[in-house]
Amino acid sequence: MSKKQPNRLAQLIDHQAFAGSALPQTLADNMRLYIETTNEVKELLVDCLPEEILNTCWVVGFTSEQLILSVGSMTAANHIRYLQSSYLQVLTEQSITFRQLKQIRVVVASKSADNYSSKQSSTSSAVLSKTQKANENQALSQNIKRTISQAAEHVTTDEKLKKALLRLINS
């Protein structure tokens, strides 16, 4: 059974899904789960964790027995590791979701928009930052090219616009 192509007036999301731009279902489900558990963790630990840690804290992995949190700094990670047993107790006692939780793991996100250490400038971090930005721009450029290509092929009916979009991604 093949997918029926959406008409030209359909929502952009329908065209993107038809063009293969939609997230795979398992990834979308994991994302939803991580967002929900992040919100629940933040609600339960709002009185325990300092606000600056809470703001950069995200659930990046979750099973019934293990919770993996991502934070913005090594200091935040050490803080959570040091008080892990207290946080574990709060989560297991106050939430059905975390009832069987036995371990909290913490990872430090490589770069975050509000990461305080990024404000310190040193030669090596400046070089590393430029390299990372170049890679991010390149990846973003590839994603944009793919999206434009799919839009040109599946969404656009105007031939001149289609040719202009294809020229844009090939330049």
N, C-alpha and C. Protein backbone atom coordinates (compact mmCIF):
# COMPACT_ATOMS: atom_id res chain seq x y z
N MET A 1 0.84 -1.17 0.00
CA MET A 1 0.00 0.00 0.00
C MET A 1 0.89 1.24 0.00
N SER A 2 0.71 2.14 -0.97
CA SER A 2 1.54 3.34 -1.04
C SER A 2 0.81 4.51 -0.40
N LYS A 3 1.62 5.45 0.08
CA LYS A 3 1.06 6.65 0.68
C LYS A 3 0.47 7.53 -0.40
N LYS A 4 -0.68 8.11 -0.12
CA LYS A 4 -1.28 9.04 -1.07
C LYS A 4 -0.66 10.41 -0.85
N GLN A 5 -0.21 11.03 -1.93
CA GLN A 5 0.44 12.35 -1.83
C GLN A 5 -0.59 13.39 -1.41
N PRO A 6 -0.23 14.26 -0.40
CA PRO A 6 -1.16 15.29 0.03
C PRO A 6 -1.33 16.35 -1.07
N ASN A 7 -2.50 17.00 -1.12
CA ASN A 7 -2.71 18.04 -2.13
C ASN A 7 -1.91 19.27 -1.78
N ARG A 8 -1.85 20.21 -2.73
CA ARG A 8 -0.98 21.38 -2.55
C ARG A 8 -1.43 22.31 -1.44
N LEU A 9 -2.69 22.19 -0.99
CA LEU A 9 -3.20 23.05 0.09
C LEU A 9 -3.05 22.40 1.47
N ALA A 10 -2.52 21.20 1.51
CA ALA A 10 -2.37 20.50 2.78
C ALA A 10 -1.38 21.22 3.68
N GLN A 11 -1.45 20.91 4.96
CA GLN A 11 -0.53 21.49 5.93
C GLN A 11 0.90 21.12 5.57
N LEU A 12 1.86 22.02 5.89
CA LEU A 12 3.27 21.77 5.62
C LEU A 12 3.72 20.46 6.25
N ILE A 13 3.23 20.17 7.45
CA ILE A 13 3.66 18.95 8.15
C ILE A 13 3.27 17.70 7.35
N ASP A 14 2.11 17.75 6.65
CA ASP A 14 1.69 16.62 5.83
C ASP A 14 2.65 16.43 4.65
N HIS A 15 3.06 17.54 4.05
CA HIS A 15 4.01 17.46 2.94
C HIS A 15 5.37 16.96 3.42
N GLN A 16 5.79 17.43 4.58
CA GLN A 16 7.07 16.98 5.12
C GLN A 16 7.02 15.50 5.45
N ALA A 17 5.93 15.05 6.03
CA ALA A 17 5.79 13.63 6.35
C ALA A 17 5.84 12.80 5.08
N PHE A 18 5.14 13.27 4.04
CA PHE A 18 5.15 12.55 2.76
C PHE A 18 6.55 12.52 2.17
N ALA A 19 7.28 13.63 2.34
CA ALA A 19 8.63 13.73 1.77
C ALA A 19 9.67 13.00 2.62
N GLY A 20 9.25 12.43 3.74
CA GLY A 20 10.18 11.69 4.59
C GLY A 20 10.89 12.54 5.61
N SER A 21 10.39 13.76 5.87
CA SER A 21 11.05 14.65 6.82
C SER A 21 10.56 14.45 8.25
N ALA A 22 9.48 13.73 8.43
CA ALA A 22 8.94 13.52 9.77
C ALA A 22 9.88 12.62 10.57
N LEU A 23 9.89 12.82 11.88
CA LEU A 23 10.72 11.98 12.75
C LEU A 23 10.20 10.55 12.70
N PRO A 24 11.11 9.58 12.74
CA PRO A 24 10.65 8.19 12.87
C PRO A 24 9.84 8.04 14.15
N GLN A 25 8.85 7.16 14.16
CA GLN A 25 7.93 7.04 15.29
C GLN A 25 8.66 6.73 16.60
N THR A 26 9.67 5.84 16.57
CA THR A 26 10.37 5.49 17.81
C THR A 26 11.11 6.71 18.38
N LEU A 27 11.70 7.52 17.50
CA LEU A 27 12.40 8.72 17.95
C LEU A 27 11.41 9.73 18.52
N ALA A 28 10.27 9.90 17.85
CA ALA A 28 9.24 10.82 18.33
C ALA A 28 8.72 10.36 19.70
N ASP A 29 8.52 9.04 19.86
CA ASP A 29 8.05 8.51 21.14
C ASP A 29 9.07 8.74 22.24
N ASN A 30 10.36 8.48 21.94
CA ASN A 30 11.42 8.72 22.93
C ASN A 30 11.50 10.19 23.31
N MET A 31 11.39 11.06 22.32
CA MET A 31 11.43 12.49 22.60
C MET A 31 10.30 12.90 23.54
N ARG A 32 9.11 12.41 23.23
CA ARG A 32 7.94 12.71 24.07
C ARG A 32 8.17 12.20 25.50
N LEU A 33 8.68 10.97 25.63
CA LEU A 33 8.94 10.39 26.95
C LEU A 33 9.96 11.22 27.71
N TYR A 34 11.05 11.63 27.04
CA TYR A 34 12.10 12.40 27.71
C TYR A 34 11.61 13.78 28.13
N ILE A 35 10.76 14.39 27.31
CA ILE A 35 10.22 15.71 27.68
C ILE A 35 9.29 15.57 28.89
N GLU A 36 8.44 14.55 28.86
CA GLU A 36 7.52 14.33 29.99
C GLU A 36 8.28 14.03 31.28
N THR A 37 9.29 13.15 31.20
CA THR A 37 10.04 12.81 32.41
C THR A 37 10.89 13.99 32.87
N THR A 38 11.39 14.80 31.94
CA THR A 38 12.14 16.01 32.32
C THR A 38 11.25 16.93 33.13
N ASN A 39 10.03 17.16 32.63
CA ASN A 39 9.09 18.04 33.34
C ASN A 39 8.76 17.49 34.72
N GLU A 40 8.58 16.18 34.82
CA GLU A 40 8.26 15.57 36.11
C GLU A 40 9.44 15.67 37.08
N VAL A 41 10.65 15.40 36.59
CA VAL A 41 11.85 15.52 37.43
C VAL A 41 11.99 16.95 37.95
N LYS A 42 11.82 17.93 37.07
CA LYS A 42 11.95 19.33 37.47
C LYS A 42 10.91 19.72 38.50
N GLU A 43 9.67 19.21 38.36
CA GLU A 43 8.62 19.50 39.34
C GLU A 43 8.97 18.90 40.70
N LEU A 44 9.45 17.65 40.69
CA LEU A 44 9.75 16.96 41.95
C LEU A 44 10.98 17.52 42.66
N LEU A 45 11.96 17.97 41.88
CA LEU A 45 13.22 18.44 42.48
C LEU A 45 13.33 19.96 42.56
N VAL A 46 12.22 20.66 42.30
CA VAL A 46 12.26 22.13 42.27
C VAL A 46 12.75 22.71 43.61
N ASP A 47 12.44 22.06 44.71
CA ASP A 47 12.87 22.57 46.02
C ASP A 47 14.23 22.03 46.44
N CYS A 48 14.77 21.05 45.69
CA CYS A 48 16.05 20.43 46.04
C CYS A 48 17.22 20.98 45.23
N LEU A 49 17.00 21.13 43.93
CA LEU A 49 18.09 21.55 43.05
C LEU A 49 18.13 23.07 42.91
N PRO A 50 19.34 23.65 42.89
CA PRO A 50 19.45 25.08 42.63
C PRO A 50 18.89 25.41 41.23
N GLU A 51 18.33 26.60 41.09
CA GLU A 51 17.67 27.00 39.84
C GLU A 51 18.60 26.92 38.63
N GLU A 52 19.88 27.32 38.79
CA GLU A 52 20.79 27.28 37.65
C GLU A 52 21.06 25.86 37.16
N ILE A 53 20.97 24.88 38.05
CA ILE A 53 21.12 23.48 37.64
C ILE A 53 19.82 23.00 37.02
N LEU A 54 18.71 23.34 37.64
CA LEU A 54 17.39 22.94 37.15
C LEU A 54 17.15 23.42 35.72
N ASN A 55 17.62 24.64 35.41
CA ASN A 55 17.41 25.21 34.08
C ASN A 55 18.15 24.47 32.98
N THR A 56 19.27 23.82 33.30
CA THR A 56 20.04 23.13 32.27
C THR A 56 19.88 21.61 32.34
N CYS A 57 19.00 21.15 33.20
CA CYS A 57 18.82 19.71 33.43
C CYS A 57 17.77 19.13 32.48
N TRP A 58 18.16 18.06 31.77
CA TRP A 58 17.24 17.38 30.85
C TRP A 58 17.39 15.88 30.98
N VAL A 59 16.29 15.15 30.88
CA VAL A 59 16.35 13.69 30.85
C VAL A 59 16.76 13.29 29.43
N VAL A 60 17.84 12.52 29.32
CA VAL A 60 18.32 12.06 28.01
C VAL A 60 18.30 10.53 27.89
N GLY A 61 17.88 9.88 28.96
CA GLY A 61 17.76 8.43 28.95
C GLY A 61 16.91 8.00 30.13
N PHE A 62 16.06 6.98 29.92
CA PHE A 62 15.20 6.57 31.02
C PHE A 62 14.75 5.14 30.83
N THR A 63 15.00 4.33 31.86
CA THR A 63 14.39 3.00 31.97
C THR A 63 13.76 2.97 33.35
N SER A 64 13.03 1.91 33.67
CA SER A 64 12.37 1.86 34.97
C SER A 64 13.38 1.91 36.13
N GLU A 65 14.62 1.47 35.89
CA GLU A 65 15.61 1.43 36.97
C GLU A 65 16.71 2.49 36.86
N GLN A 66 16.82 3.16 35.70
CA GLN A 66 17.91 4.12 35.54
C GLN A 66 17.42 5.39 34.86
N LEU A 67 17.85 6.52 35.42
CA LEU A 67 17.53 7.83 34.87
C LEU A 67 18.85 8.49 34.48
N ILE A 68 18.94 8.98 33.24
CA ILE A 68 20.16 9.66 32.79
C ILE A 68 19.81 11.12 32.57
N LEU A 69 20.49 11.99 33.33
CA LEU A 69 20.27 13.42 33.23
C LEU A 69 21.43 14.10 32.53
N SER A 70 21.13 15.10 31.73
CA SER A 70 22.15 15.92 31.10
C SER A 70 22.11 17.28 31.77
N VAL A 71 23.28 17.80 32.13
CA VAL A 71 23.37 19.13 32.75
C VAL A 71 24.41 19.95 32.01
N GLY A 72 24.45 21.26 32.30
CA GLY A 72 25.29 22.17 31.54
C GLY A 72 26.71 22.35 32.02
N SER A 73 27.05 21.80 33.19
CA SER A 73 28.41 22.01 33.67
C SER A 73 28.86 20.84 34.54
N MET A 74 30.18 20.72 34.68
CA MET A 74 30.75 19.67 35.53
C MET A 74 30.37 19.91 37.00
N THR A 75 30.28 21.17 37.38
CA THR A 75 29.88 21.50 38.76
C THR A 75 28.48 20.97 39.05
N ALA A 76 27.56 21.19 38.10
CA ALA A 76 26.19 20.70 38.27
C ALA A 76 26.17 19.17 38.34
N ALA A 77 26.94 18.52 37.48
CA ALA A 77 27.01 17.06 37.47
C ALA A 77 27.53 16.54 38.81
N ASN A 78 28.58 17.15 39.32
CA ASN A 78 29.14 16.73 40.61
C ASN A 78 28.14 16.94 41.74
N HIS A 79 27.41 18.04 41.68
CA HIS A 79 26.40 18.34 42.71
C HIS A 79 25.34 17.23 42.74
N ILE A 80 24.84 16.85 41.56
CA ILE A 80 23.80 15.81 41.49
C ILE A 80 24.37 14.45 41.91
N ARG A 81 25.60 14.16 41.49
CA ARG A 81 26.22 12.88 41.88
C ARG A 81 26.41 12.80 43.40
N TYR A 82 26.83 13.91 43.99
CA TYR A 82 27.08 13.94 45.43
C TYR A 82 25.80 13.71 46.23
N LEU A 83 24.68 14.28 45.74
CA LEU A 83 23.40 14.17 46.45
C LEU A 83 22.45 13.17 45.79
N GLN A 84 23.02 12.26 44.98
CA GLN A 84 22.20 11.31 44.23
C GLN A 84 21.22 10.53 45.10
N SER A 85 21.69 10.03 46.23
CA SER A 85 20.81 9.19 47.06
C SER A 85 19.61 9.99 47.58
N SER A 86 19.82 11.27 47.91
CA SER A 86 18.71 12.11 48.37
C SER A 86 17.70 12.33 47.25
N TYR A 87 18.22 12.65 46.05
CA TYR A 87 17.34 12.89 44.91
C TYR A 87 16.60 11.62 44.51
N LEU A 88 17.31 10.49 44.58
CA LEU A 88 16.71 9.20 44.27
C LEU A 88 15.54 8.91 45.21
N GLN A 89 15.74 9.21 46.48
CA GLN A 89 14.70 8.99 47.49
C GLN A 89 13.47 9.86 47.18
N VAL A 90 13.69 11.13 46.86
CA VAL A 90 12.57 12.03 46.54
C VAL A 90 11.80 11.50 45.33
N LEU A 91 12.52 11.13 44.28
CA LEU A 91 11.87 10.66 43.06
C LEU A 91 11.09 9.36 43.27
N THR A 92 11.68 8.40 43.97
CA THR A 92 11.01 7.10 44.16
C THR A 92 9.82 7.20 45.10
N GLU A 93 9.89 8.08 46.08
CA GLU A 93 8.80 8.20 47.05
C GLU A 93 7.64 9.06 46.54
N GLN A 94 7.91 10.00 45.63
CA GLN A 94 6.87 10.95 45.24
C GLN A 94 6.31 10.74 43.84
N SER A 95 6.77 9.71 43.14
CA SER A 95 6.29 9.51 41.77
C SER A 95 6.16 8.04 41.42
N ILE A 96 5.04 7.70 40.80
CA ILE A 96 4.84 6.32 40.33
C ILE A 96 5.80 6.03 39.17
N THR A 97 6.06 7.04 38.34
CA THR A 97 6.96 6.89 37.19
C THR A 97 8.33 6.39 37.63
N PHE A 98 8.83 6.93 38.75
CA PHE A 98 10.20 6.63 39.19
C PHE A 98 10.23 5.64 40.36
N ARG A 99 9.14 4.95 40.63
CA ARG A 99 9.02 4.05 41.78
C ARG A 99 10.13 3.01 41.84
N GLN A 100 10.54 2.43 40.70
CA GLN A 100 11.55 1.36 40.67
C GLN A 100 12.96 1.87 40.42
N LEU A 101 13.12 3.18 40.38
CA LEU A 101 14.42 3.78 40.05
C LEU A 101 15.49 3.37 41.05
N LYS A 102 16.64 2.94 40.53
CA LYS A 102 17.75 2.51 41.40
C LYS A 102 19.00 3.36 41.21
N GLN A 103 19.09 4.09 40.09
CA GLN A 103 20.32 4.84 39.80
C GLN A 103 20.01 6.09 38.98
N ILE A 104 20.76 7.15 39.29
CA ILE A 104 20.73 8.36 38.48
C ILE A 104 22.13 8.54 37.91
N ARG A 105 22.23 8.57 36.59
CA ARG A 105 23.50 8.88 35.94
C ARG A 105 23.44 10.31 35.44
N VAL A 106 24.58 10.96 35.39
CA VAL A 106 24.62 12.35 34.96
C VAL A 106 25.69 12.50 33.88
N VAL A 107 25.33 13.19 32.80
CA VAL A 107 26.28 13.51 31.74
C VAL A 107 26.30 15.03 31.57
N VAL A 108 27.42 15.54 31.11
CA VAL A 108 27.56 16.98 30.89
C VAL A 108 27.40 17.25 29.40
N ALA A 109 26.47 18.16 29.07
CA ALA A 109 26.28 18.53 27.66
C ALA A 109 27.52 19.27 27.19
N SER A 110 27.96 18.99 25.95
CA SER A 110 29.21 19.57 25.45
C SER A 110 29.17 21.08 25.42
N LYS A 111 28.13 21.66 24.88
CA LYS A 111 27.98 23.12 24.87
C LYS A 111 26.52 23.44 25.05
N SER A 112 26.25 24.50 25.78
CA SER A 112 24.88 24.94 26.00
C SER A 112 24.87 26.45 25.87
N ALA A 113 23.76 27.01 25.45
CA ALA A 113 23.68 28.46 25.23
C ALA A 113 23.96 29.24 26.51
N ASP A 114 23.59 28.67 27.65
CA ASP A 114 23.82 29.40 28.89
C ASP A 114 24.91 28.73 29.75
N ASN A 115 25.85 28.06 29.11
CA ASN A 115 26.94 27.43 29.84
C ASN A 115 27.93 28.50 30.30
N TYR A 116 28.11 28.61 31.60
CA TYR A 116 28.94 29.67 32.16
C TYR A 116 30.41 29.55 31.76
N SER A 117 30.90 28.33 31.58
CA SER A 117 32.31 28.16 31.23
C SER A 117 32.60 28.68 29.82
N SER A 118 31.55 28.78 28.97
CA SER A 118 31.79 29.27 27.61
C SER A 118 32.12 30.76 27.60
N LYS A 119 31.84 31.46 28.71
CA LYS A 119 32.15 32.89 28.78
C LYS A 119 33.64 33.12 29.01
N GLN A 120 34.34 32.11 29.52
CA GLN A 120 35.78 32.25 29.72
C GLN A 120 36.46 32.03 28.38
N SER A 121 37.36 32.94 28.02
CA SER A 121 37.98 32.76 26.70
C SER A 121 39.44 32.35 26.86
N SER A 122 39.78 31.28 26.18
CA SER A 122 41.17 30.85 26.10
C SER A 122 41.41 30.44 24.66
N THR A 123 42.64 30.39 24.26
CA THR A 123 42.96 30.10 22.86
C THR A 123 42.42 28.74 22.44
N SER A 124 42.63 27.71 23.25
CA SER A 124 42.19 26.37 22.86
C SER A 124 40.68 26.28 22.78
N SER A 125 39.95 26.91 23.70
CA SER A 125 38.50 26.84 23.64
C SER A 125 37.97 27.65 22.47
N ALA A 126 38.65 28.73 22.09
CA ALA A 126 38.22 29.54 20.94
C ALA A 126 38.38 28.74 19.65
N VAL A 127 39.49 28.01 19.53
CA VAL A 127 39.72 27.19 18.34
C VAL A 127 38.69 26.06 18.29
N LEU A 128 38.45 25.41 19.44
CA LEU A 128 37.48 24.33 19.51
C LEU A 128 36.09 24.85 19.16
N SER A 129 35.74 26.01 19.67
CA SER A 129 34.44 26.61 19.41
C SER A 129 34.25 26.89 17.93
N LYS A 130 35.28 27.44 17.27
CA LYS A 130 35.18 27.73 15.83
C LYS A 130 35.00 26.45 15.04
N THR A 131 35.71 25.40 15.43
CA THR A 131 35.59 24.11 14.75
C THR A 131 34.19 23.56 14.91
N GLN A 132 33.65 23.62 16.14
CA GLN A 132 32.31 23.11 16.38
C GLN A 132 31.28 23.91 15.60
N LYS A 133 31.44 25.25 15.56
CA LYS A 133 30.49 26.08 14.82
C LYS A 133 30.54 25.77 13.34
N ALA A 134 31.72 25.55 12.80
CA ALA A 134 31.86 25.21 11.39
C ALA A 134 31.12 23.90 11.11
N ASN A 135 31.28 22.91 11.99
CA ASN A 135 30.61 21.63 11.82
C ASN A 135 29.10 21.79 11.94
N GLU A 136 28.63 22.60 12.91
CA GLU A 136 27.20 22.82 13.08
C GLU A 136 26.62 23.48 11.83
N ASN A 137 27.31 24.49 11.29
CA ASN A 137 26.82 25.17 10.09
C ASN A 137 26.76 24.21 8.92
N GLN A 138 27.75 23.35 8.81
CA GLN A 138 27.77 22.40 7.71
C GLN A 138 26.60 21.42 7.84
N ALA A 139 26.35 20.90 9.04
CA ALA A 139 25.24 19.98 9.26
C ALA A 139 23.92 20.68 9.01
N LEU A 140 23.78 21.90 9.47
CA LEU A 140 22.57 22.66 9.27
C LEU A 140 22.36 22.89 7.78
N SER A 141 23.42 23.21 7.08
CA SER A 141 23.34 23.44 5.65
C SER A 141 22.83 22.19 4.93
N GLN A 142 23.32 21.01 5.31
CA GLN A 142 22.86 19.76 4.70
C GLN A 142 21.38 19.53 4.98
N ASN A 143 20.96 19.80 6.22
CA ASN A 143 19.55 19.62 6.57
C ASN A 143 18.67 20.57 5.76
N ILE A 144 19.12 21.82 5.65
CA ILE A 144 18.35 22.80 4.89
C ILE A 144 18.28 22.39 3.42
N LYS A 145 19.40 21.94 2.87
CA LYS A 145 19.41 21.51 1.47
C LYS A 145 18.42 20.36 1.25
N ARG A 146 18.40 19.40 2.18
CA ARG A 146 17.49 18.27 2.05
C ARG A 146 16.03 18.73 2.12
N THR A 147 15.74 19.64 3.06
CA THR A 147 14.38 20.14 3.20
C THR A 147 13.94 20.91 1.96
N ILE A 148 14.83 21.77 1.45
CA ILE A 148 14.51 22.54 0.24
C ILE A 148 14.30 21.59 -0.94
N SER A 149 15.16 20.60 -1.06
CA SER A 149 15.04 19.63 -2.14
C SER A 149 13.70 18.91 -2.08
N GLN A 150 13.31 18.47 -0.89
CA GLN A 150 12.04 17.76 -0.73
C GLN A 150 10.86 18.68 -1.01
N ALA A 151 10.98 19.93 -0.57
CA ALA A 151 9.91 20.89 -0.84
C ALA A 151 9.79 21.14 -2.34
N ALA A 152 10.93 21.27 -3.03
CA ALA A 152 10.92 21.51 -4.47
C ALA A 152 10.29 20.33 -5.21
N GLU A 153 10.61 19.13 -4.77
CA GLU A 153 10.10 17.94 -5.46
C GLU A 153 8.65 17.63 -5.15
N HIS A 154 8.24 17.80 -3.88
CA HIS A 154 6.93 17.30 -3.46
C HIS A 154 5.89 18.38 -3.14
N VAL A 155 6.33 19.60 -2.90
CA VAL A 155 5.40 20.63 -2.45
C VAL A 155 5.12 21.66 -3.54
N THR A 156 6.15 22.08 -4.24
CA THR A 156 6.05 23.17 -5.20
C THR A 156 5.48 22.70 -6.53
N THR A 157 4.52 23.46 -7.05
CA THR A 157 3.97 23.14 -8.37
C THR A 157 4.47 24.11 -9.43
N ASP A 158 4.97 25.26 -9.03
CA ASP A 158 5.49 26.28 -9.94
C ASP A 158 6.87 25.85 -10.46
N GLU A 159 6.98 25.63 -11.75
CA GLU A 159 8.23 25.13 -12.34
C GLU A 159 9.40 26.11 -12.15
N LYS A 160 9.16 27.40 -12.31
CA LYS A 160 10.23 28.39 -12.14
C LYS A 160 10.76 28.37 -10.70
N LEU A 161 9.84 28.29 -9.75
CA LEU A 161 10.24 28.23 -8.34
C LEU A 161 11.01 26.95 -8.05
N LYS A 162 10.55 25.86 -8.61
CA LYS A 162 11.22 24.57 -8.41
C LYS A 162 12.67 24.63 -8.93
N LYS A 163 12.84 25.20 -10.14
CA LYS A 163 14.19 25.32 -10.71
C LYS A 163 15.06 26.24 -9.87
N ALA A 164 14.48 27.35 -9.38
CA ALA A 164 15.23 28.29 -8.55
C ALA A 164 15.67 27.62 -7.24
N LEU A 165 14.78 26.83 -6.63
CA LEU A 165 15.13 26.14 -5.38
C LEU A 165 16.24 25.11 -5.61
N LEU A 166 16.15 24.38 -6.70
CA LEU A 166 17.17 23.38 -7.01
C LEU A 166 18.51 24.04 -7.31
N ARG A 167 18.49 25.21 -8.00
CA ARG A 167 19.73 25.97 -8.24
C ARG A 167 20.33 26.43 -6.91
N LEU A 168 19.46 26.85 -5.99
CA LEU A 168 19.92 27.35 -4.69
C LEU A 168 20.68 26.27 -3.93
N ILE A 169 20.16 25.05 -3.92
CA ILE A 169 20.83 24.00 -3.15
C ILE A 169 22.07 23.47 -3.84
N ASN A 170 22.19 23.68 -5.13
CA ASN A 170 23.38 23.22 -5.85
C ASN A 170 24.50 24.25 -5.87
N SER A 171 24.20 25.48 -5.43
CA SER A 171 25.26 26.52 -5.45
C SER A 171 26.13 26.44 -4.22
